[in-house]
C-alpha atoms as a PDB file:
ATOM      1  CA  MET A   1      24.264  -1.556   3.588  1.00  0.00           C
ATOM      2  CA  ARG A   2      24.204  -5.128   2.337  1.00  0.00           C
ATOM      3  CA  GLU A   3      21.919  -5.708  -0.662  1.00  0.00           C
ATOM      4  CA  PRO A   4      18.618  -6.966   0.803  1.00  0.00           C
ATOM      5  CA  ALA A   5      17.406 -10.367  -0.327  1.00  0.00           C
ATOM      6  CA  ILE A   6      13.924 -10.998  -1.667  1.00  0.00           C
ATOM      7  CA  GLN A   7      11.886 -13.123   0.742  1.00  0.00           C
ATOM      8  CA  VAL A   8       8.509 -14.812   0.429  1.00  0.00           C
ATOM      9  CA  ALA A   9       6.061 -12.905   2.635  1.00  0.00           C
ATOM     10  CA  THR A  10       4.400 -14.776   5.483  1.00  0.00           C
ATOM     11  CA  ILE A  11       1.258 -14.116   7.459  1.00  0.00           C
ATOM     12  CA  GLY A  12       3.562 -12.932  10.256  1.00  0.00           C
ATOM     13  CA  ASP A  13       4.521  -9.985   8.017  1.00  0.00           C
ATOM     14  CA  THR A  14       0.925  -8.692   7.901  1.00  0.00           C
ATOM     15  CA  ALA A  15       1.322  -5.786  10.346  1.00  0.00           C
ATOM     16  CA  ALA A  16       4.544  -4.599   8.689  1.00  0.00           C
ATOM     17  CA  LEU A  17       2.973  -4.885   5.229  1.00  0.00           C
ATOM     18  CA  ASN A  18      -0.144  -2.952   6.233  1.00  0.00           C
ATOM     19  CA  ASP A  19       2.064  -0.205   7.676  1.00  0.00           C
ATOM     20  CA  LEU A  20       4.250  -0.101   4.546  1.00  0.00           C
ATOM     21  CA  ILE A  21       1.235   0.052   2.232  1.00  0.00           C
ATOM     22  CA  GLU A  22      -0.323   2.968   4.124  1.00  0.00           C
ATOM     23  CA  ARG A  23       2.934   4.943   4.264  1.00  0.00           C
ATOM     24  CA  SER A  24       3.671   4.284   0.594  1.00  0.00           C
ATOM     25  CA  VAL A  25       0.225   5.279  -0.654  1.00  0.00           C
ATOM     26  CA  ARG A  26      -0.087   8.370   1.542  1.00  0.00           C
ATOM     27  CA  ALA A  27       3.282   9.706   0.357  1.00  0.00           C
ATOM     28  CA  LEU A  28       3.759   8.489  -3.216  1.00  0.00           C
ATOM     29  CA  CYS A  29       0.211   8.818  -4.568  1.00  0.00           C
ATOM     30  CA  VAL A  30      -0.306  12.453  -3.541  1.00  0.00           C
ATOM     31  CA  PRO A  31       0.690  13.945  -6.915  1.00  0.00           C
ATOM     32  CA  ASP A  32      -1.819  11.759  -8.792  1.00  0.00           C
ATOM     33  CA  TYR A  33      -4.812  11.249  -6.488  1.00  0.00           C
ATOM     34  CA  THR A  34      -6.842  13.444  -4.133  1.00  0.00           C
ATOM     35  CA  PRO A  35      -6.718  12.934  -0.351  1.00  0.00           C
ATOM     36  CA  ASP A  36     -10.295  11.593  -0.475  1.00  0.00           C
ATOM     37  CA  GLN A  37      -9.368   9.052  -3.172  1.00  0.00           C
ATOM     38  CA  ILE A  38      -6.321   7.920  -1.206  1.00  0.00           C
ATOM     39  CA  GLU A  39      -8.195   7.415   2.053  1.00  0.00           C
ATOM     40  CA  SER A  40     -11.162   5.711   0.389  1.00  0.00           C
ATOM     41  CA  ALA A  41      -8.903   3.387  -1.625  1.00  0.00           C
ATOM     42  CA  LEU A  42      -6.821   2.270   1.374  1.00  0.00           C
ATOM     43  CA  GLY A  43      -8.104  -1.057   2.642  1.00  0.00           C
ATOM     44  CA  SER A  44     -10.224  -1.777  -0.409  1.00  0.00           C
ATOM     45  CA  VAL A  45      -8.571  -1.031  -3.736  1.00  0.00           C
ATOM     46  CA  TRP A  46      -5.118  -0.724  -2.102  1.00  0.00           C
ATOM     47  CA  GLY A  47      -4.122  -3.041   0.670  1.00  0.00           C
ATOM     48  CA  LEU A  48      -2.922  -6.468   1.566  1.00  0.00           C
ATOM     49  CA  ASP A  49      -4.344  -9.470  -0.279  1.00  0.00           C
ATOM     50  CA  THR A  50      -3.560 -12.409   1.984  1.00  0.00           C
ATOM     51  CA  GLN A  51      -4.417 -14.828  -0.849  1.00  0.00           C
ATOM     52  CA  LEU A  52      -1.048 -13.861  -2.367  1.00  0.00           C
ATOM     53  CA  ILE A  53       0.653 -14.756   0.913  1.00  0.00           C
ATOM     54  CA  ASP A  54      -1.226 -18.061   1.107  1.00  0.00           C
ATOM     55  CA  ASP A  55      -0.195 -18.819  -2.504  1.00  0.00           C
ATOM     56  CA  GLN A  56       3.432 -17.915  -1.678  1.00  0.00           C
ATOM     57  CA  THR A  57       3.557 -15.436  -4.568  1.00  0.00           C
ATOM     58  CA  TYR A  58       4.030 -12.259  -2.505  1.00  0.00           C
ATOM     59  CA  PHE A  59       7.521 -10.969  -1.807  1.00  0.00           C
ATOM     60  CA  ILE A  60       9.194  -8.509   0.511  1.00  0.00           C
ATOM     61  CA  LEU A  61      12.544  -6.792   0.817  1.00  0.00           C
ATOM     62  CA  ARG A  62      13.862  -5.925   4.265  1.00  0.00           C
ATOM     63  CA  VAL A  63      16.541  -3.467   5.259  1.00  0.00           C
ATOM     64  CA  ASP A  64      17.695  -4.604   8.669  1.00  0.00           C
ATOM     65  CA  SER A  65      14.365  -5.724  10.131  1.00  0.00           C
ATOM     66  CA  ALA A  66      12.125  -3.203   8.325  1.00  0.00           C
ATOM     67  CA  VAL A  67      10.013  -4.240   5.335  1.00  0.00           C
ATOM     68  CA  VAL A  68      10.784  -1.549   2.731  1.00  0.00           C
ATOM     69  CA  ALA A  69       9.219  -2.983  -0.455  1.00  0.00           C
ATOM     70  CA  CYS A  70       6.644  -5.580  -1.432  1.00  0.00           C
ATOM     71  CA  GLY A  71       4.908  -6.934  -4.491  1.00  0.00           C
ATOM     72  CA  GLY A  72       3.703 -10.137  -6.026  1.00  0.00           C
ATOM     73  CA  TRP A  73       2.116 -12.022  -8.843  1.00  0.00           C
ATOM     74  CA  SER A  74      -0.892 -14.276  -9.050  1.00  0.00           C
ATOM     75  CA  PHE A  75      -2.300 -17.182 -10.999  1.00  0.00           C
ATOM     76  CA  ARG A  76      -5.790 -16.110  -9.849  1.00  0.00           C
ATOM     77  CA  ARG A  77      -8.327 -13.948 -11.700  1.00  0.00           C
ATOM     78  CA  THR A  78      -8.375 -11.051  -9.219  1.00  0.00           C
ATOM     79  CA  ARG A  79      -6.597  -8.078 -10.803  1.00  0.00           C
ATOM     80  CA  PHE A  80      -6.192  -5.869  -7.724  1.00  0.00           C
ATOM     81  CA  GLY A  81      -7.597  -5.120  -4.304  1.00  0.00           C
ATOM     82  CA  ALA A  82      -7.189  -5.924  -0.656  1.00  0.00           C
ATOM     83  CA  ASP A  83      -8.978  -8.726   1.173  1.00  0.00           C
ATOM     84  CA  ALA A  84     -12.034  -6.479   1.637  1.00  0.00           C
ATOM     85  CA  TYR A  85     -12.377  -5.481  -2.039  1.00  0.00           C
ATOM     86  CA  ALA A  86     -15.692  -6.692  -3.464  1.00  0.00           C
ATOM     87  CA  GLY A  87     -14.417  -7.436  -6.987  1.00  0.00           C
ATOM     88  CA  ARG A  88     -12.335 -10.478  -6.041  1.00  0.00           C
ATOM     89  CA  ASP A  89     -12.329 -13.754  -7.998  1.00  0.00           C
ATOM     90  CA  SER A  90     -10.096 -16.536  -6.664  1.00  0.00           C
ATOM     91  CA  GLY A  91     -10.613 -18.687  -9.762  1.00  0.00           C
ATOM     92  CA  THR A  92      -7.392 -19.798 -11.398  1.00  0.00           C
ATOM     93  CA  LEU A  93      -5.931 -18.611 -14.678  1.00  0.00           C
ATOM     94  CA  GLN A  94      -4.833 -20.941 -17.475  1.00  0.00           C
ATOM     95  CA  PRO A  95      -1.074 -20.711 -18.249  1.00  0.00           C
ATOM     96  CA  GLY A  96      -0.444 -20.188 -21.965  1.00  0.00           C
ATOM     97  CA  ARG A  97      -3.940 -18.793 -22.476  1.00  0.00           C
ATOM     98  CA  ASP A  98      -4.422 -16.200 -19.719  1.00  0.00           C
ATOM     99  CA  ALA A  99      -1.996 -13.561 -18.503  1.00  0.00           C
ATOM    100  CA  ALA A 100      -0.653 -13.924 -14.972  1.00  0.00           C
ATOM    101  CA  ARG A 101      -1.401 -10.952 -12.709  1.00  0.00           C
ATOM    102  CA  VAL A 102       1.224  -8.638 -11.209  1.00  0.00           C
ATOM    103  CA  ARG A 103      -0.180  -7.356  -7.932  1.00  0.00           C
ATOM    104  CA  ALA A 104       0.174  -4.997  -5.003  1.00  0.00           C
ATOM    105  CA  PHE A 105       3.553  -3.277  -5.361  1.00  0.00           C
ATOM    106  CA  PHE A 106       4.464  -0.765  -2.661  1.00  0.00           C
ATOM    107  CA  VAL A 107       7.757   0.841  -1.646  1.00  0.00           C
ATOM    108  CA  CYS A 108       8.591   2.795   1.495  1.00  0.00           C
ATOM    109  CA  PRO A 109       8.882   6.492   0.551  1.00  0.00           C
ATOM    110  CA  HIS A 110      12.398   6.656   2.033  1.00  0.00           C
ATOM    111  CA  TRP A 111      13.578   3.749  -0.148  1.00  0.00           C
ATOM    112  CA  VAL A 112      12.244   4.670  -3.609  1.00  0.00           C
ATOM    113  CA  ARG A 113      14.493   4.817  -6.668  1.00  0.00           C
ATOM    114  CA  ARG A 114      16.838   2.086  -5.449  1.00  0.00           C
ATOM    115  CA  GLY A 115      15.631  -0.660  -7.776  1.00  0.00           C
ATOM    116  CA  PHE A 116      13.701  -2.586  -5.108  1.00  0.00           C
ATOM    117  CA  GLY A 117      10.391  -2.580  -7.026  1.00  0.00           C
ATOM    118  CA  ARG A 118      12.174  -3.612 -10.217  1.00  0.00           C
ATOM    119  CA  ARG A 119      13.926  -6.499  -8.431  1.00  0.00           C
ATOM    120  CA  ILE A 120      10.645  -7.829  -7.064  1.00  0.00           C
ATOM    121  CA  LEU A 121       8.986  -7.388 -10.471  1.00  0.00           C
ATOM    122  CA  LEU A 122      11.712  -9.440 -12.173  1.00  0.00           C
ATOM    123  CA  ARG A 123      11.220 -12.194  -9.584  1.00  0.00           C
ATOM    124  CA  CYS A 124       7.473 -12.183 -10.240  1.00  0.00           C
ATOM    125  CA  GLU A 125       7.973 -12.417 -14.000  1.00  0.00           C
ATOM    126  CA  SER A 126      10.469 -15.261 -13.581  1.00  0.00           C
ATOM    127  CA  GLU A 127       8.112 -17.263 -11.377  1.00  0.00           C
ATOM    128  CA  ALA A 128       5.115 -16.669 -13.666  1.00  0.00           C
ATOM    129  CA  ARG A 129       7.204 -17.812 -16.649  1.00  0.00           C
ATOM    130  CA  ALA A 130       8.313 -20.932 -14.736  1.00  0.00           C
ATOM    131  CA  ARG A 131       4.610 -21.740 -14.114  1.00  0.00           C
ATOM    132  CA  GLY A 132       3.946 -21.629 -17.878  1.00  0.00           C
ATOM    133  CA  PHE A 133       2.574 -18.107 -18.276  1.00  0.00           C
ATOM    134  CA  THR A 134       3.625 -16.318 -21.464  1.00  0.00           C
ATOM    135  CA  SER A 135       2.341 -12.877 -20.518  1.00  0.00           C
ATOM    136  CA  VAL A 136       1.541 -10.751 -17.480  1.00  0.00           C
ATOM    137  CA  GLU A 137      -0.982  -7.980 -16.889  1.00  0.00           C
ATOM    138  CA  LEU A 138      -1.579  -5.490 -14.098  1.00  0.00           C
ATOM    139  CA  MET A 139      -3.644  -2.523 -13.031  1.00  0.00           C
ATOM    140  CA  ALA A 140      -1.127   0.259 -12.491  1.00  0.00           C
ATOM    141  CA  THR A 141      -1.693   3.175 -10.204  1.00  0.00           C
ATOM    142  CA  LEU A 142      -0.917   6.446 -11.932  1.00  0.00           C
ATOM    143  CA  PRO A 143       2.461   6.728 -10.148  1.00  0.00           C
ATOM    144  CA  GLY A 144       3.136   3.038 -10.902  1.00  0.00           C
ATOM    145  CA  VAL A 145       2.824   3.582 -14.671  1.00  0.00           C
ATOM    146  CA  ARG A 146       6.353   5.039 -14.677  1.00  0.00           C
ATOM    147  CA  LEU A 147       7.933   1.946 -13.078  1.00  0.00           C
ATOM    148  CA  TYR A 148       6.049  -0.543 -15.207  1.00  0.00           C
ATOM    149  CA  GLY A 149       6.654   1.391 -18.424  1.00  0.00           C
ATOM    150  CA  ALA A 150      10.398   1.441 -17.681  1.00  0.00           C
ATOM    151  CA  CYS A 151      10.224  -2.348 -17.248  1.00  0.00           C
ATOM    152  CA  GLY A 152       8.679  -2.998 -20.664  1.00  0.00           C
ATOM    153  CA  TYR A 153       4.952  -2.911 -19.859  1.00  0.00           C
ATOM    154  CA  ALA A 154       2.672  -1.285 -22.432  1.00  0.00           C
ATOM    155  CA  PRO A 155      -0.603   0.477 -21.617  1.00  0.00           C
ATOM    156  CA  LEU A 156      -3.665  -1.488 -22.719  1.00  0.00           C
ATOM    157  CA  ALA A 157      -6.527   0.686 -21.434  1.00  0.00           C
ATOM    158  CA  GLU A 158      -7.411   3.349 -18.892  1.00  0.00           C
ATOM    159  CA  ARG A 159      -9.857   2.133 -16.250  1.00  0.00           C
ATOM    160  CA  SER A 160     -11.934   3.851 -13.594  1.00  0.00           C
ATOM    161  CA  PHE A 161     -13.230   1.981 -10.547  1.00  0.00           C
ATOM    162  CA  ALA A 162     -15.845   2.922  -7.966  1.00  0.00           C
ATOM    163  CA  LEU A 163     -14.613   3.561  -4.434  1.00  0.00           C
ATOM    164  CA  PRO A 164     -16.440   2.694  -1.222  1.00  0.00           C
ATOM    165  CA  GLY A 165     -18.577   5.629  -0.136  1.00  0.00           C
ATOM    166  CA  GLY A 166     -18.658   7.176  -3.613  1.00  0.00           C
ATOM    167  CA  GLY A 167     -16.186   8.603  -6.049  1.00  0.00           C
ATOM    168  CA  SER A 168     -13.839   6.698  -8.303  1.00  0.00           C
ATOM    169  CA  ILE A 169     -10.167   6.087  -8.941  1.00  0.00           C
ATOM    170  CA  ASP A 170      -8.263   5.733 -12.201  1.00  0.00           C
ATOM    171  CA  PHE A 171      -5.767   3.030 -13.116  1.00  0.00           C
ATOM    172  CA  VAL A 172      -3.975   2.042 -16.299  1.00  0.00           C
ATOM    173  CA  GLU A 173      -4.215  -1.587 -17.379  1.00  0.00           C
ATOM    174  CA  MET A 174      -0.788  -2.662 -18.677  1.00  0.00           C
ATOM    175  CA  GLY A 175       0.682  -5.840 -20.102  1.00  0.00           C
ATOM    176  CA  LYS A 176       3.891  -7.511 -21.157  1.00  0.00           C
ATOM    177  CA  ARG A 177       4.855 -10.643 -23.080  1.00  0.00           C
ATOM    178  CA  LEU A 178       7.261 -12.919 -21.233  1.00  0.00           C
ATOM    179  CA  LEU A 179      10.082 -14.150 -23.424  1.00  0.00           C
END
């Protein structure tokens, strides 16, 4: 297999991204979240944010023609959530003052532990740095804490968010200084 190149996601990738996100969440989040949390979070807390695609800050990796990993960064205030999530804020962040946001990382269950998430994360950090940001923050899923911690992110706070239809889901807010 040739090493897949990172590509900027396009609106034409939407169906493949939605499929990847659902498969990733339903397989990789099982040890940390209940089935009810997973299903309630899909499409609201977890899902595709097309603003990232429009901003050209969302990336994919393909193996052959299949999208096997995705993730992005943002210069907007929204910390997480799909297009339908109510807590969105498309206002822009101030480089040098605010932390850029790392957003929406998902990997196909059959392609985990191959460095794909790390490669996309490094690209995001590089682009945020080039735009003048000196730090990045994210809301990590419980399984995501392991990846981000291995990449130098430190926990800042534990957060719980309401889910549609009741219940809640826990995340860990994490951050990193960009050097």
